[in-house]
């Protein structure tokens, strides 16, 4: 079929709107007079106000995948399985209460900073893997969904729509950083809200649509089968606590003007998640009571009824197309398409920021200049965008990949985040042991959609459907947490009690001479820990994150030279950190 010109024009108009807003935000950041450095680009100069902050924090989870997925779940499984709006809302509440203020008060730049400060650069680099995969696969999943939507609704080639969408999002993110992401989030949420609410009255009054009020024949709520209660609880906990350790969330937290603002924005955004889900819930309910044989879906386009399983994921744009007037449907389609495209930008920026700062600078080039870091981040933005685009085009099961990675974020990163913020006695040994434990048990639980065989069959395993009905993901997370704590404190005791010789402290994180502590000794009162508060409005970075390897070696050499010249144990003891005396 030929491309629907009116629909194509609508999409182009909304894309141009998003692009222009993104470029305007980039210019605004340059005119603000702030120095162009990596931190300003990553965190918008820590100057995100309340209004923009509320929108961009809400947009952490409310995007194309959120609104499409909500309508799809209502249509297929009923409201009882619509967990995402409530799960992500509670995620923002718990994230704000337990983590936002602590992270922001330290002045960290990325989510990985406290891990690298406490567990070392290489352990932080290892934890970057699940974080990176989650961000990339999330971007690829929503780009793939957008391509499928446009190909069905306006007959636009799927590859063309994916490439154009990715190019637009990458282009303004490349120049504006978080400023562009934040301001396009404002436009994104307005587009979703207006576009969907505009279509609902027309859809509800369409002659092919029945009554959505609950009665004996109409029930889009459904009931929860007790058989799946464990699976249900597991999925809900994954959304709540697995939604916290994402750079896209902490990117907004760390860009707030103050720690209290970061906490407040999380609470308000939680309400925004619920509010923004209402139109999608109504559209899903409308789809369940629609006689699709009486719509142009079957009459004009001659498409099969009931709707094939592979098309159900497009139920929201199908309601816009077939149950609303043409002008309304194309306005809604343009809004939804722009929203989906804009959802990819924050994930691209998040993955790139972590790579530039936590991998390139802190592991490979400690002496890298701000200009160099900026260019590395821009190259990474382009690279992550290209990778997500390629995966969206070539990988068929991209959503399944993202789903598996979101599991890994929950079972691997959440216990690590809890320990690095709240348990000061944990160390690199425990972190590595917890990482391996979480990875092994999650993969051993199998993944049907990814054809990963089940090595461990937990209680209530369904042999027919080949799925785990026991909340094994939460069990994996708890096992990881327990192993991390037990290994950390056990080795800490063994080393400090002299049971294990200090030469076996290969990670130099318990008693073996860590050069970082010598360097920190010279920093005086500036020394920070993962949970030390600071009253500075913009926080401050732990000095260990600013010290290069060359500085550490120089400090150690000076210390050894001084000790040799004085040849006095008491004198040398003054240079030691308290735990060595």
Protein backbone atom coordinates (compact mmCIF):
# COMPACT_ATOMS: atom_id res chain seq x y z
CA UNK A 1 0.00 0.00 0.00
CA UNK A 2 1.02 3.63 -0.52
CA UNK A 3 2.30 5.72 2.34
CA UNK A 4 -0.45 7.71 4.12
CA UNK A 5 0.69 11.23 3.30
CA UNK A 6 -1.35 12.96 6.02
CA UNK A 7 0.02 10.61 8.68
CA UNK A 8 3.56 11.05 7.41
CA UNK A 9 3.21 14.83 7.54
CA UNK A 10 1.88 14.59 11.11
CA UNK A 11 4.87 12.51 12.22
CA UNK A 12 7.32 14.87 10.50
CA UNK A 13 5.75 17.91 12.18
CA UNK A 14 6.05 16.36 15.63
CA UNK A 15 9.60 15.20 14.95
CA UNK A 16 10.57 18.70 13.90
CA UNK A 17 8.98 20.05 17.06
CA UNK A 18 11.05 17.71 19.23
CA UNK A 19 14.22 18.47 17.24
CA UNK A 20 13.75 22.25 17.45
CA UNK A 21 13.08 22.12 21.19
CA UNK A 22 16.20 19.98 21.66
CA UNK A 23 18.39 22.37 19.68
CA UNK A 24 16.88 25.38 21.46
CA UNK A 25 17.72 23.78 24.81
CA UNK A 26 21.29 23.19 23.60
CA UNK A 27 21.66 26.88 22.69
CA UNK A 28 20.07 27.90 26.00
CA UNK A 29 22.67 25.91 27.92
CA UNK A 30 25.49 27.65 26.04
CA UNK A 31 23.98 31.11 26.60
CA UNK A 32 23.65 30.49 30.34
CA UNK A 33 27.32 31.32 30.72
CA UNK A 34 28.28 28.02 32.32
CA UNK A 35 31.58 26.46 31.39
CA UNK A 36 31.15 23.66 28.90
CA UNK A 37 32.51 20.64 30.70
CA UNK A 38 31.48 17.01 30.96
CA UNK A 39 29.58 17.44 34.22
CA UNK A 40 27.50 20.31 32.86
CA UNK A 41 26.59 18.31 29.77
CA UNK A 42 25.79 15.16 31.76
CA UNK A 43 23.81 16.92 34.50
CA UNK A 44 22.75 20.25 32.95
CA UNK A 45 24.96 22.12 35.39
CA UNK A 46 22.95 20.69 38.31
CA UNK A 47 20.52 23.48 37.57
CA UNK A 48 17.28 21.70 36.64
CA UNK A 49 14.37 23.63 38.16
CA UNK A 50 11.25 22.27 39.80
CA UNK A 51 8.87 22.49 36.82
CA UNK A 52 11.21 21.01 34.24
CA UNK A 53 12.48 18.60 36.88
CA UNK A 54 9.01 17.19 37.52
CA UNK A 55 8.46 16.58 33.81
CA UNK A 56 11.83 15.02 33.14
CA UNK A 57 11.65 12.86 36.29
CA UNK A 58 8.20 11.62 35.24
CA UNK A 59 9.56 10.91 31.77
CA UNK A 60 12.12 8.56 33.36
CA UNK A 61 9.56 5.79 32.80
CA UNK A 62 6.61 7.43 31.02
CA UNK A 63 7.35 7.13 27.32
CA UNK A 64 6.32 5.25 24.24
CA UNK A 65 6.91 1.82 25.74
CA UNK A 66 5.00 2.76 28.90
CA UNK A 67 1.82 3.95 27.18
CA UNK A 68 1.80 1.26 24.49
CA UNK A 69 2.55 -1.50 26.98
CA UNK A 70 -0.16 -0.37 29.41
CA UNK A 71 -2.86 -0.47 26.74
CA UNK A 72 -1.60 -3.86 25.51
CA UNK A 73 -1.72 -5.43 28.98
CA UNK A 74 -5.25 -4.14 29.61
CA UNK A 75 -6.38 -5.68 26.33
CA UNK A 76 -4.69 -9.06 26.79
CA UNK A 77 -4.55 -9.78 30.54
CA UNK A 78 -6.77 -7.17 32.18
CA UNK A 79 -6.21 -4.38 34.67
CA UNK A 80 -5.10 -6.79 37.38
CA UNK A 81 -1.87 -7.41 35.44
CA UNK A 82 -1.28 -3.72 34.70
CA UNK A 83 1.65 -3.46 37.11
CA UNK A 84 3.92 -0.96 35.36
CA UNK A 85 2.22 2.33 36.37
CA UNK A 86 2.02 1.38 40.05
CA UNK A 87 5.35 -0.45 40.10
CA UNK A 88 7.28 2.43 38.58
CA UNK A 89 5.45 4.96 40.77
CA UNK A 90 6.49 3.05 43.90
CA UNK A 91 9.98 2.75 42.42
CA UNK A 92 10.22 6.55 42.35
CA UNK A 93 8.88 6.79 45.90
CA UNK A 94 11.37 4.27 47.32
CA UNK A 95 14.18 5.68 45.19
CA UNK A 96 13.45 9.17 46.44
CA UNK A 97 13.19 8.17 50.09
CA UNK A 98 16.16 5.81 50.38
CA UNK A 99 18.63 6.88 47.68
CA UNK A 100 17.96 10.27 46.03
CA UNK A 101 19.03 12.51 48.92
CA UNK A 102 22.11 10.44 49.77
CA UNK A 103 23.31 10.26 46.16
CA UNK A 104 22.68 13.95 45.44
CA UNK A 105 24.27 15.19 48.67
CA UNK A 106 27.53 13.51 47.67
CA UNK A 107 27.63 15.35 44.35
CA UNK A 108 28.18 12.20 42.33
CA UNK A 109 28.07 12.56 38.55
CA UNK A 110 26.86 9.06 37.60
CA UNK A 111 25.29 6.11 39.36
CA UNK A 112 28.58 4.19 39.18
CA UNK A 113 30.64 6.77 41.10
CA UNK A 114 29.98 5.32 44.58
CA UNK A 115 30.77 1.81 43.32
CA UNK A 116 34.12 2.85 41.90
CA UNK A 117 34.91 4.91 44.98
CA UNK A 118 34.26 2.00 47.33
CA UNK A 119 34.92 -1.16 45.28
CA UNK A 120 37.49 0.16 42.81
CA UNK A 121 37.49 1.24 39.20
CA UNK A 122 37.52 -2.26 37.72
CA UNK A 123 34.64 -3.54 39.84
CA UNK A 124 32.72 -0.43 38.83
CA UNK A 125 33.55 -1.25 35.22
CA UNK A 126 32.16 -4.74 35.70
CA UNK A 127 28.92 -3.34 37.12
CA UNK A 128 28.73 -1.08 34.07
CA UNK A 129 27.97 -4.12 31.89
CA UNK A 130 24.38 -4.82 33.06
CA UNK A 131 23.74 -1.07 33.29
CA UNK A 132 24.93 -0.55 29.71
CA UNK A 133 23.00 -3.52 28.33
CA UNK A 134 19.82 -2.35 30.01
CA UNK A 135 20.08 1.15 28.53
CA UNK A 136 21.00 -0.02 25.02
CA UNK A 137 18.35 -2.71 24.84
CA UNK A 138 15.73 -0.34 26.21
CA UNK A 139 16.54 2.19 23.47
CA UNK A 140 16.52 -0.54 20.83
CA UNK A 141 13.22 -1.95 22.08
CA UNK A 142 11.35 1.35 21.88
CA UNK A 143 12.90 2.21 18.50
CA UNK A 144 11.82 -1.20 17.20
CA UNK A 145 8.31 -0.72 18.57
CA UNK A 146 8.12 2.70 16.92
CA UNK A 147 9.20 1.27 13.57
CA UNK A 148 6.55 -1.44 13.80
CA UNK A 149 3.89 1.13 14.71
CA UNK A 150 4.64 3.43 11.79
CA UNK A 151 4.88 0.52 9.36
CA UNK A 152 1.40 -0.69 10.34
CA UNK A 153 -0.39 2.63 10.68
CA UNK A 154 1.00 4.74 7.81
CA UNK A 155 2.76 2.01 5.81
CA UNK A 156 6.16 3.61 6.30
CA UNK A 157 9.16 1.32 5.87
CA UNK A 158 10.18 0.04 9.31
CA UNK A 159 13.92 0.54 8.75
CA UNK A 160 13.43 4.09 7.54
CA UNK A 161 11.34 5.07 10.56
CA UNK A 162 13.83 3.53 13.01
CA UNK A 163 16.85 5.20 11.42
CA UNK A 164 15.21 8.64 11.17
CA UNK A 165 13.95 8.48 14.76
CA UNK A 166 17.35 7.45 16.10
CA UNK A 167 19.13 10.15 14.09
CA UNK A 168 16.86 12.90 15.41
CA UNK A 169 17.23 11.78 19.04
CA UNK A 170 21.01 11.36 18.72
CA UNK A 171 21.48 14.68 16.94
CA UNK A 172 20.07 17.01 19.59
CA UNK A 173 21.45 14.89 22.47
CA UNK A 174 24.89 15.20 20.88
CA UNK A 175 24.81 18.97 21.18
CA UNK A 176 22.61 19.66 24.19
CA UNK A 177 23.20 16.81 26.63
CA UNK A 178 20.77 16.65 29.55
CA UNK A 179 19.46 20.15 28.82
CA UNK A 180 18.03 18.91 25.51
CA UNK A 181 16.77 15.68 27.05
CA UNK A 182 14.99 17.52 29.87
CA UNK A 183 13.25 20.09 27.72
CA UNK A 184 12.17 17.55 25.10
CA UNK A 185 10.73 15.50 27.98
CA UNK A 186 8.39 18.41 28.70
CA UNK A 187 7.17 18.42 25.09
CA UNK A 188 7.00 14.62 25.11
CA UNK A 189 4.61 14.46 28.07
CA UNK A 190 2.43 17.23 26.70
CA UNK A 191 2.22 15.38 23.37
CA UNK A 192 1.21 12.15 25.06
CA UNK A 193 -1.32 13.75 27.37
CA UNK A 194 -3.05 15.92 24.74
CA UNK A 195 -2.81 13.40 21.90
CA UNK A 196 -4.34 10.52 23.85
CA UNK A 197 -7.01 12.45 25.72
CA UNK A 198 -8.10 14.07 22.46
CA UNK A 199 -8.80 10.66 20.94
CA UNK A 200 -10.59 9.04 23.89
CA UNK A 201 -14.01 10.76 23.51
CA UNK A 202 -14.14 9.83 19.82
CA UNK A 203 -13.06 6.25 20.51
CA UNK A 204 -15.61 5.75 23.30
CA UNK A 205 -18.49 7.03 21.19
CA UNK A 206 -17.62 5.00 18.08
CA UNK A 207 -20.54 2.85 16.94
CA UNK A 208 -18.46 -0.33 17.13
CA UNK A 209 -17.50 0.25 20.77
CA UNK A 210 -19.57 -1.20 23.59
CA UNK A 211 -19.98 -0.08 27.18
CA UNK A 212 -16.74 -0.16 29.17
CA UNK A 213 -18.53 -0.13 32.52
CA UNK A 214 -18.02 -3.37 34.41
CA UNK A 215 -20.87 -5.88 34.19
CA UNK A 216 -21.50 -9.58 33.65
CA UNK A 217 -20.47 -9.47 29.98
CA UNK A 218 -17.82 -6.77 30.12
CA UNK A 219 -14.87 -7.25 32.45
CA UNK A 220 -11.54 -5.74 31.53
CA UNK A 221 -10.31 -6.04 35.12
CA UNK A 222 -9.93 -9.85 35.09
CA UNK A 223 -8.94 -11.94 38.10
CA UNK A 224 -5.58 -13.22 39.29
CA UNK A 225 -5.18 -16.97 39.08
CA UNK A 226 -3.71 -18.11 42.44
CA UNK A 227 -1.39 -20.36 40.44
CA UNK A 228 0.50 -17.30 39.22
CA UNK A 229 0.60 -15.41 42.52
CA UNK A 230 4.35 -16.05 43.00
CA UNK A 231 5.10 -14.92 39.46
CA UNK A 232 2.89 -11.87 39.99
CA UNK A 233 4.69 -10.84 43.19
CA UNK A 234 8.07 -11.40 41.55
CA UNK A 235 7.21 -9.17 38.60
CA UNK A 236 5.83 -6.44 40.84
CA UNK A 237 8.92 -6.39 43.07
CA UNK A 238 11.11 -6.32 39.97
CA UNK A 239 9.34 -3.17 38.75
CA UNK A 240 9.57 -1.47 42.15
CA UNK A 241 13.15 -2.20 43.19
CA UNK A 242 14.56 -3.03 39.76
CA UNK A 243 13.42 0.41 38.61
CA UNK A 244 15.80 2.17 41.02
CA UNK A 245 19.38 1.30 39.92
CA UNK A 246 19.16 2.91 36.47
CA UNK A 247 21.34 5.77 35.31
CA UNK A 248 18.31 7.36 33.58
CA UNK A 249 16.80 7.83 37.04
CA UNK A 250 19.92 8.97 38.89
CA UNK A 251 20.77 11.25 35.97
CA UNK A 252 17.69 13.28 36.94
CA UNK A 253 18.38 12.95 40.66
CA UNK A 254 21.94 14.23 40.35
CA UNK A 255 20.90 17.13 38.10
CA UNK A 256 18.54 18.61 40.71
CA UNK A 257 19.55 21.88 42.35
CA UNK A 258 19.65 20.33 45.82
CA UNK A 259 19.27 17.00 47.61
CA UNK A 260 15.85 17.95 48.97
CA UNK A 261 14.73 18.90 45.46
CA UNK A 262 15.85 15.53 44.14
CA UNK A 263 13.77 13.77 46.76
CA UNK A 264 10.72 15.94 46.18
CA UNK A 265 10.88 15.51 42.39
CA UNK A 266 10.83 11.73 42.83
CA UNK A 267 7.64 11.90 44.89
CA UNK A 268 5.84 14.21 42.47
CA UNK A 269 6.94 12.12 39.47
CA UNK A 270 5.42 9.04 41.14
CA UNK A 271 2.03 10.75 40.99
CA UNK A 272 2.77 11.72 37.38
CA UNK A 273 3.28 8.06 36.46
CA UNK A 274 -0.21 7.18 37.70
CA UNK A 275 -1.85 10.18 36.03
CA UNK A 276 -0.14 9.59 32.68
CA UNK A 277 -1.26 5.96 32.62
CA UNK A 278 -5.00 6.78 32.80
CA UNK A 279 -5.55 7.47 29.06
CA UNK A 280 -3.69 4.28 28.13
CA UNK A 281 -5.82 2.26 30.56
CA UNK A 282 -9.00 3.71 29.04
CA UNK A 283 -7.82 3.01 25.49
CA UNK A 284 -7.02 -0.59 26.44
CA UNK A 285 -10.49 -0.94 27.99
CA UNK A 286 -12.10 0.50 24.85
CA UNK A 287 -10.23 -2.02 22.71
CA UNK A 288 -11.59 -4.93 24.78
CA UNK A 289 -15.24 -3.95 24.14
CA UNK A 290 -14.81 -3.11 20.43
CA UNK A 291 -16.39 -5.20 17.68
CA UNK A 292 -13.43 -5.07 15.32
CA UNK A 293 -15.48 -6.68 12.54
CA UNK A 294 -17.55 -3.48 12.42
CA UNK A 295 -14.53 -1.19 11.96
CA UNK A 296 -12.37 -0.29 8.96
CA UNK A 297 -9.81 -2.69 10.40
CA UNK A 298 -11.82 -5.58 8.93
CA UNK A 299 -14.15 -3.85 6.43
CA UNK A 300 -11.63 -1.74 4.52
CA UNK A 301 -8.23 -3.22 5.33
CA UNK A 302 -9.55 -6.82 5.46
CA UNK A 303 -7.44 -7.73 8.43
CA UNK A 304 -8.16 -10.82 10.54
CA UNK A 305 -10.38 -10.86 13.62
CA UNK A 306 -9.56 -11.68 16.39
CA UNK A 307 -6.44 -9.53 16.20
CA UNK A 308 -3.33 -11.70 15.66
CA UNK A 309 -0.96 -12.02 18.60
CA UNK A 310 1.86 -10.24 16.75
CA UNK A 311 -0.36 -7.15 16.25
CA UNK A 312 -1.71 -6.87 19.79
CA UNK A 313 1.33 -4.82 20.84
CA UNK A 314 -0.01 -2.13 18.46
CA UNK A 315 -3.44 -1.99 20.08
CA UNK A 316 -3.07 1.66 21.15
CA UNK A 317 -2.18 3.05 17.69
CA UNK A 318 -4.89 0.79 16.19
CA UNK A 319 -7.52 2.40 18.44
CA UNK A 320 -6.24 5.80 17.33
CA UNK A 321 -6.43 4.80 13.67
CA UNK A 322 -9.71 2.91 13.46
CA UNK A 323 -11.87 4.42 16.22
CA UNK A 324 -11.06 8.12 15.81
CA UNK A 325 -11.50 10.63 12.97
CA UNK A 326 -8.55 10.87 10.60
CA UNK A 327 -7.27 14.19 11.89
CA UNK A 328 -7.48 13.03 15.50
CA UNK A 329 -5.78 9.71 14.77
CA UNK A 330 -2.89 11.33 12.96
CA UNK A 331 -2.48 13.94 15.70
CA UNK A 332 -2.40 11.17 18.28
CA UNK A 333 -0.05 9.06 16.15
CA UNK A 334 2.33 11.97 15.69
CA UNK A 335 2.32 12.67 19.41
CA UNK A 336 2.92 9.04 20.33
CA UNK A 337 5.68 8.67 17.72
CA UNK A 338 7.46 11.78 18.93
CA UNK A 339 7.14 10.55 22.50
CA UNK A 340 8.64 7.17 21.66
CA UNK A 341 11.50 8.78 19.76
CA UNK A 342 12.17 11.17 22.62
CA UNK A 343 12.22 8.29 25.10
CA UNK A 344 15.38 6.94 23.51
CA UNK A 345 17.47 10.06 24.10
CA UNK A 346 17.86 9.74 27.87
CA UNK A 347 19.03 6.12 27.67
CA UNK A 348 21.56 7.02 24.99
CA UNK A 349 22.91 9.89 27.12
CA UNK A 350 22.99 7.73 30.27
CA UNK A 351 25.04 4.93 28.75
CA UNK A 352 27.41 7.43 27.12
CA UNK A 353 27.93 9.45 30.30
CA UNK A 354 28.83 6.34 32.31
CA UNK A 355 31.25 5.20 29.62
CA UNK A 356 33.01 8.58 29.31
CA UNK A 357 33.39 9.14 33.05
CA UNK A 358 33.50 5.72 34.74
CA UNK A 359 35.23 3.67 32.05
CA UNK A 360 37.36 5.99 29.92
CA UNK A 361 38.41 8.57 32.52
CA UNK A 362 38.59 6.62 35.78
CA UNK A 363 40.04 3.40 34.36
CA UNK A 364 42.06 4.30 31.26
CA UNK A 365 42.76 8.06 31.22
CA UNK A 366 42.76 9.59 34.68
CA UNK A 367 44.54 12.69 33.35
CA UNK A 368 42.05 13.28 30.51
CA UNK A 369 41.02 16.91 30.10
CA UNK A 370 37.41 18.09 30.19
CA UNK A 371 37.52 18.71 26.45
CA UNK A 372 38.72 15.18 25.85
CA UNK A 373 35.98 13.70 28.05
CA UNK A 374 33.38 15.75 26.19
CA UNK A 375 34.53 14.41 22.85
CA UNK A 376 34.62 10.86 24.16
CA UNK A 377 31.06 11.26 25.43
CA UNK A 378 29.90 12.64 22.07
CA UNK A 379 31.50 9.75 20.25
CA UNK A 380 29.87 7.39 22.75
CA UNK A 381 26.47 9.03 22.16
CA UNK A 382 26.86 8.37 18.46
CA UNK A 383 28.10 4.83 19.11
CA UNK A 384 25.32 3.90 21.54
CA UNK A 385 22.71 5.40 19.22
CA UNK A 386 24.10 3.46 16.26
CA UNK A 387 24.23 0.23 18.30
CA UNK A 388 20.63 0.61 19.48
CA UNK A 389 19.51 1.37 15.92
CA UNK A 390 21.30 -1.65 14.50
CA UNK A 391 19.80 -3.92 17.13
CA UNK A 392 16.31 -2.51 16.58
CA UNK A 393 16.60 -3.34 12.88
CA UNK A 394 18.27 -6.75 13.03
CA UNK A 395 17.28 -8.43 16.33
CA UNK A 396 13.78 -9.88 16.32
CA UNK A 397 13.52 -10.56 20.06
CA UNK A 398 14.81 -7.17 21.20
CA UNK A 399 12.07 -6.74 23.80
CA UNK A 400 12.98 -10.10 25.29
CA UNK A 401 16.62 -9.01 25.48
CA UNK A 402 15.64 -5.86 27.34
CA UNK A 403 13.38 -7.87 29.65
CA UNK A 404 16.28 -10.17 30.54
CA UNK A 405 18.58 -7.19 31.13
CA UNK A 406 16.01 -5.55 33.40
CA UNK A 407 16.08 -8.78 35.40
CA UNK A 408 19.87 -8.50 35.67
CA UNK A 409 19.59 -4.88 36.82
CA UNK A 410 17.27 -6.06 39.60
CA UNK A 411 19.19 -9.12 40.77
CA UNK A 412 22.70 -7.71 40.22
CA UNK A 413 22.66 -3.93 40.71
CA UNK A 414 19.98 -3.41 43.36
CA UNK A 415 21.71 -5.37 46.15
CA UNK A 416 25.00 -3.74 45.16
CA UNK A 417 23.42 -0.28 45.41
CA UNK A 418 21.95 -1.02 48.84
CA UNK A 419 25.31 -2.19 50.16
CA UNK A 420 27.41 0.62 48.70
CA UNK A 421 25.11 3.26 50.20
CA UNK A 422 24.17 1.73 53.56
CA UNK A 423 26.77 -0.90 54.54
CA UNK A 424 30.18 0.69 55.00
CA UNK A 425 31.87 -2.61 55.80
CA UNK A 426 31.29 -4.19 52.41
CA UNK A 427 34.23 -4.45 50.05
CA UNK A 428 35.35 -5.51 46.60
CA UNK A 429 35.49 -9.22 47.46
CA UNK A 430 31.86 -9.26 48.53
CA UNK A 431 30.82 -7.15 45.56
CA UNK A 432 32.44 -9.56 43.11
CA UNK A 433 31.01 -12.63 44.88
CA UNK A 434 27.52 -11.09 44.89
CA UNK A 435 27.82 -10.19 41.21
CA UNK A 436 28.77 -13.76 40.22
CA UNK A 437 26.05 -15.26 42.44
CA UNK A 438 23.31 -13.09 40.97
CA UNK A 439 24.43 -13.71 37.41
CA UNK A 440 24.64 -17.49 37.85
CA UNK A 441 21.32 -18.07 39.60
CA UNK A 442 19.38 -15.74 37.29
CA UNK A 443 20.67 -17.47 34.16
CA UNK A 444 20.27 -20.89 35.80
CA UNK A 445 16.58 -20.07 36.23
CA UNK A 446 16.26 -20.05 32.44
CA UNK A 447 14.47 -17.69 30.07
CA UNK A 448 11.96 -19.23 27.69
CA UNK A 449 11.80 -16.25 25.33
CA UNK A 450 15.59 -16.27 24.89
CA UNK A 451 15.86 -20.07 24.66
CA UNK A 452 18.05 -20.17 27.76
CA UNK A 453 17.62 -23.66 29.27
CA UNK A 454 16.45 -24.08 32.85
CA UNK A 455 19.26 -25.52 34.98
CA UNK A 456 17.56 -25.01 38.35
CA UNK A 457 13.85 -25.74 38.71
CA UNK A 458 12.61 -23.81 41.69
CA UNK A 459 9.46 -24.89 43.59
CA UNK A 460 6.18 -24.84 41.61
CA UNK A 461 8.00 -25.00 38.28
CA UNK A 462 5.46 -25.33 35.43
CA UNK A 463 6.58 -28.22 33.24
CA UNK A 464 3.91 -27.48 30.63
CA UNK A 465 4.59 -23.77 30.02
CA UNK A 466 8.27 -24.05 31.04
CA UNK A 467 8.15 -21.07 33.40
CA UNK A 468 9.17 -20.48 37.00
CA UNK A 469 6.12 -19.78 39.16
CA UNK A 470 8.23 -19.28 42.27
CA UNK A 471 9.48 -15.67 42.76
CA UNK A 472 12.99 -16.79 41.87
CA UNK A 473 14.21 -13.40 40.63
CA UNK A 474 13.65 -11.92 44.07
CA UNK A 475 15.34 -14.99 45.57
CA UNK A 476 18.36 -14.41 43.29
CA UNK A 477 18.50 -10.79 44.42
CA UNK A 478 18.38 -11.80 48.10
CA UNK A 479 21.04 -14.47 47.57
CA UNK A 480 23.29 -11.88 45.94
CA UNK A 481 22.77 -9.50 48.86
CA UNK A 482 23.47 -12.18 51.47
CA UNK A 483 26.61 -13.42 49.68
CA UNK A 484 27.89 -9.85 49.27
CA UNK A 485 27.48 -9.08 52.98
CA UNK A 486 28.76 -12.43 54.29
CA UNK A 487 31.86 -12.50 52.08
CA UNK A 488 32.67 -8.85 52.79
CA UNK A 489 32.46 -9.03 56.57
CA UNK A 490 34.01 -12.51 56.80
CA UNK A 491 37.12 -11.49 54.88
CA UNK A 492 37.25 -8.18 56.72
CA UNK A 493 37.40 -10.09 60.02
CA UNK A 494 39.93 -12.67 58.77
CA UNK A 495 42.31 -9.99 57.48
CA UNK A 496 42.00 -7.60 60.42
CA UNK A 497 42.40 -10.45 62.94
CA UNK A 498 45.60 -11.55 61.21
CA UNK A 499 44.20 -14.99 60.29
CA UNK A 500 44.86 -14.20 56.63
CA UNK A 501 48.15 -12.53 55.74
CA UNK A 502 47.87 -9.07 54.22
CA UNK A 503 49.61 -10.24 51.03
CA UNK A 504 46.43 -12.14 50.16
CA UNK A 505 44.46 -8.89 50.08
CA UNK A 506 44.95 -8.78 46.32
CA UNK A 507 42.27 -6.13 45.79
CA UNK A 508 43.96 -3.88 48.41
CA UNK A 509 40.63 -2.97 49.92
CA UNK A 510 40.92 -4.17 53.54
CA UNK A 511 44.43 -3.99 55.06
CA UNK A 512 46.93 -4.22 52.20
CA UNK A 513 48.53 -0.79 51.70
CA UNK A 514 46.09 1.16 49.48
CA UNK A 515 47.81 4.16 47.95
CA UNK A 516 44.43 5.92 47.74
CA UNK A 517 44.26 6.19 51.53
CA UNK A 518 47.70 7.81 51.69
CA UNK A 519 46.59 10.34 49.10
CA UNK A 520 43.34 10.92 50.93
CA UNK A 521 45.29 11.58 54.12
CA UNK A 522 46.77 14.64 52.45
CA UNK A 523 43.29 15.84 51.51
CA UNK A 524 42.55 16.51 55.19
CA UNK A 525 38.93 17.16 56.13
CA UNK A 526 37.71 16.76 52.53
CA UNK A 527 37.60 12.98 52.88
CA UNK A 528 34.13 11.63 52.09
CA UNK A 529 32.53 8.23 52.39
CA UNK A 530 29.63 6.81 50.43
CA UNK A 531 27.17 8.12 53.01
CA UNK A 532 28.86 11.27 54.34
CA UNK A 533 26.44 14.22 53.94
CA UNK A 534 27.52 17.63 52.78
CA UNK A 535 25.68 20.93 53.08
CA UNK A 536 27.05 22.31 49.84
CA UNK A 537 24.08 22.84 47.47
CA UNK A 538 25.89 21.20 44.59
CA UNK A 539 27.54 18.53 46.71
CA UNK A 540 31.14 17.57 46.10
CA UNK A 541 33.02 14.69 44.59
CA UNK A 542 35.02 12.32 46.75
CA UNK A 543 38.67 13.28 46.31
CA UNK A 544 39.50 9.68 45.43
CA UNK A 545 37.54 10.14 42.23
CA UNK A 546 39.77 13.05 41.22
CA UNK A 547 43.18 11.50 41.95
CA UNK A 548 45.08 9.96 39.05
CA UNK A 549 47.26 6.87 39.20
CA UNK A 550 50.34 9.04 38.75
CA UNK A 551 49.34 11.11 41.80
CA UNK A 552 48.91 7.98 43.86
CA UNK A 553 52.30 6.59 42.87
CA UNK A 554 53.95 9.92 43.61
CA UNK A 555 52.30 10.04 47.04
CA UNK A 556 53.46 6.52 47.83
CA UNK A 557 57.03 7.27 46.69
CA UNK A 558 57.16 10.41 48.83
CA UNK A 559 55.84 8.50 51.83
CA UNK A 560 58.41 5.70 51.46
CA UNK A 561 61.26 8.20 50.97
CA UNK A 562 60.24 10.13 54.07
CA UNK A 563 59.97 6.94 56.09
CA UNK A 564 63.41 5.80 54.99
CA UNK A 565 65.05 9.15 55.73
CA UNK A 566 63.57 9.46 59.17
CA UNK A 567 63.94 5.75 59.95
CA UNK A 568 61.49 6.23 62.75
CA UNK A 569 58.43 3.99 63.09
CA UNK A 570 56.68 6.60 65.21
CA UNK A 571 57.32 9.27 62.63
CA UNK A 572 56.22 7.04 59.77
CA UNK A 573 53.10 6.12 61.70
CA UNK A 574 51.86 9.70 61.38
CA UNK A 575 51.39 9.18 57.66
CA UNK A 576 49.25 6.11 58.05
CA UNK A 577 45.49 6.05 57.91
CA UNK A 578 43.86 5.38 61.31
CA UNK A 579 42.98 1.78 60.48
CA UNK A 580 46.70 0.92 60.00
CA UNK A 581 47.94 2.32 63.32
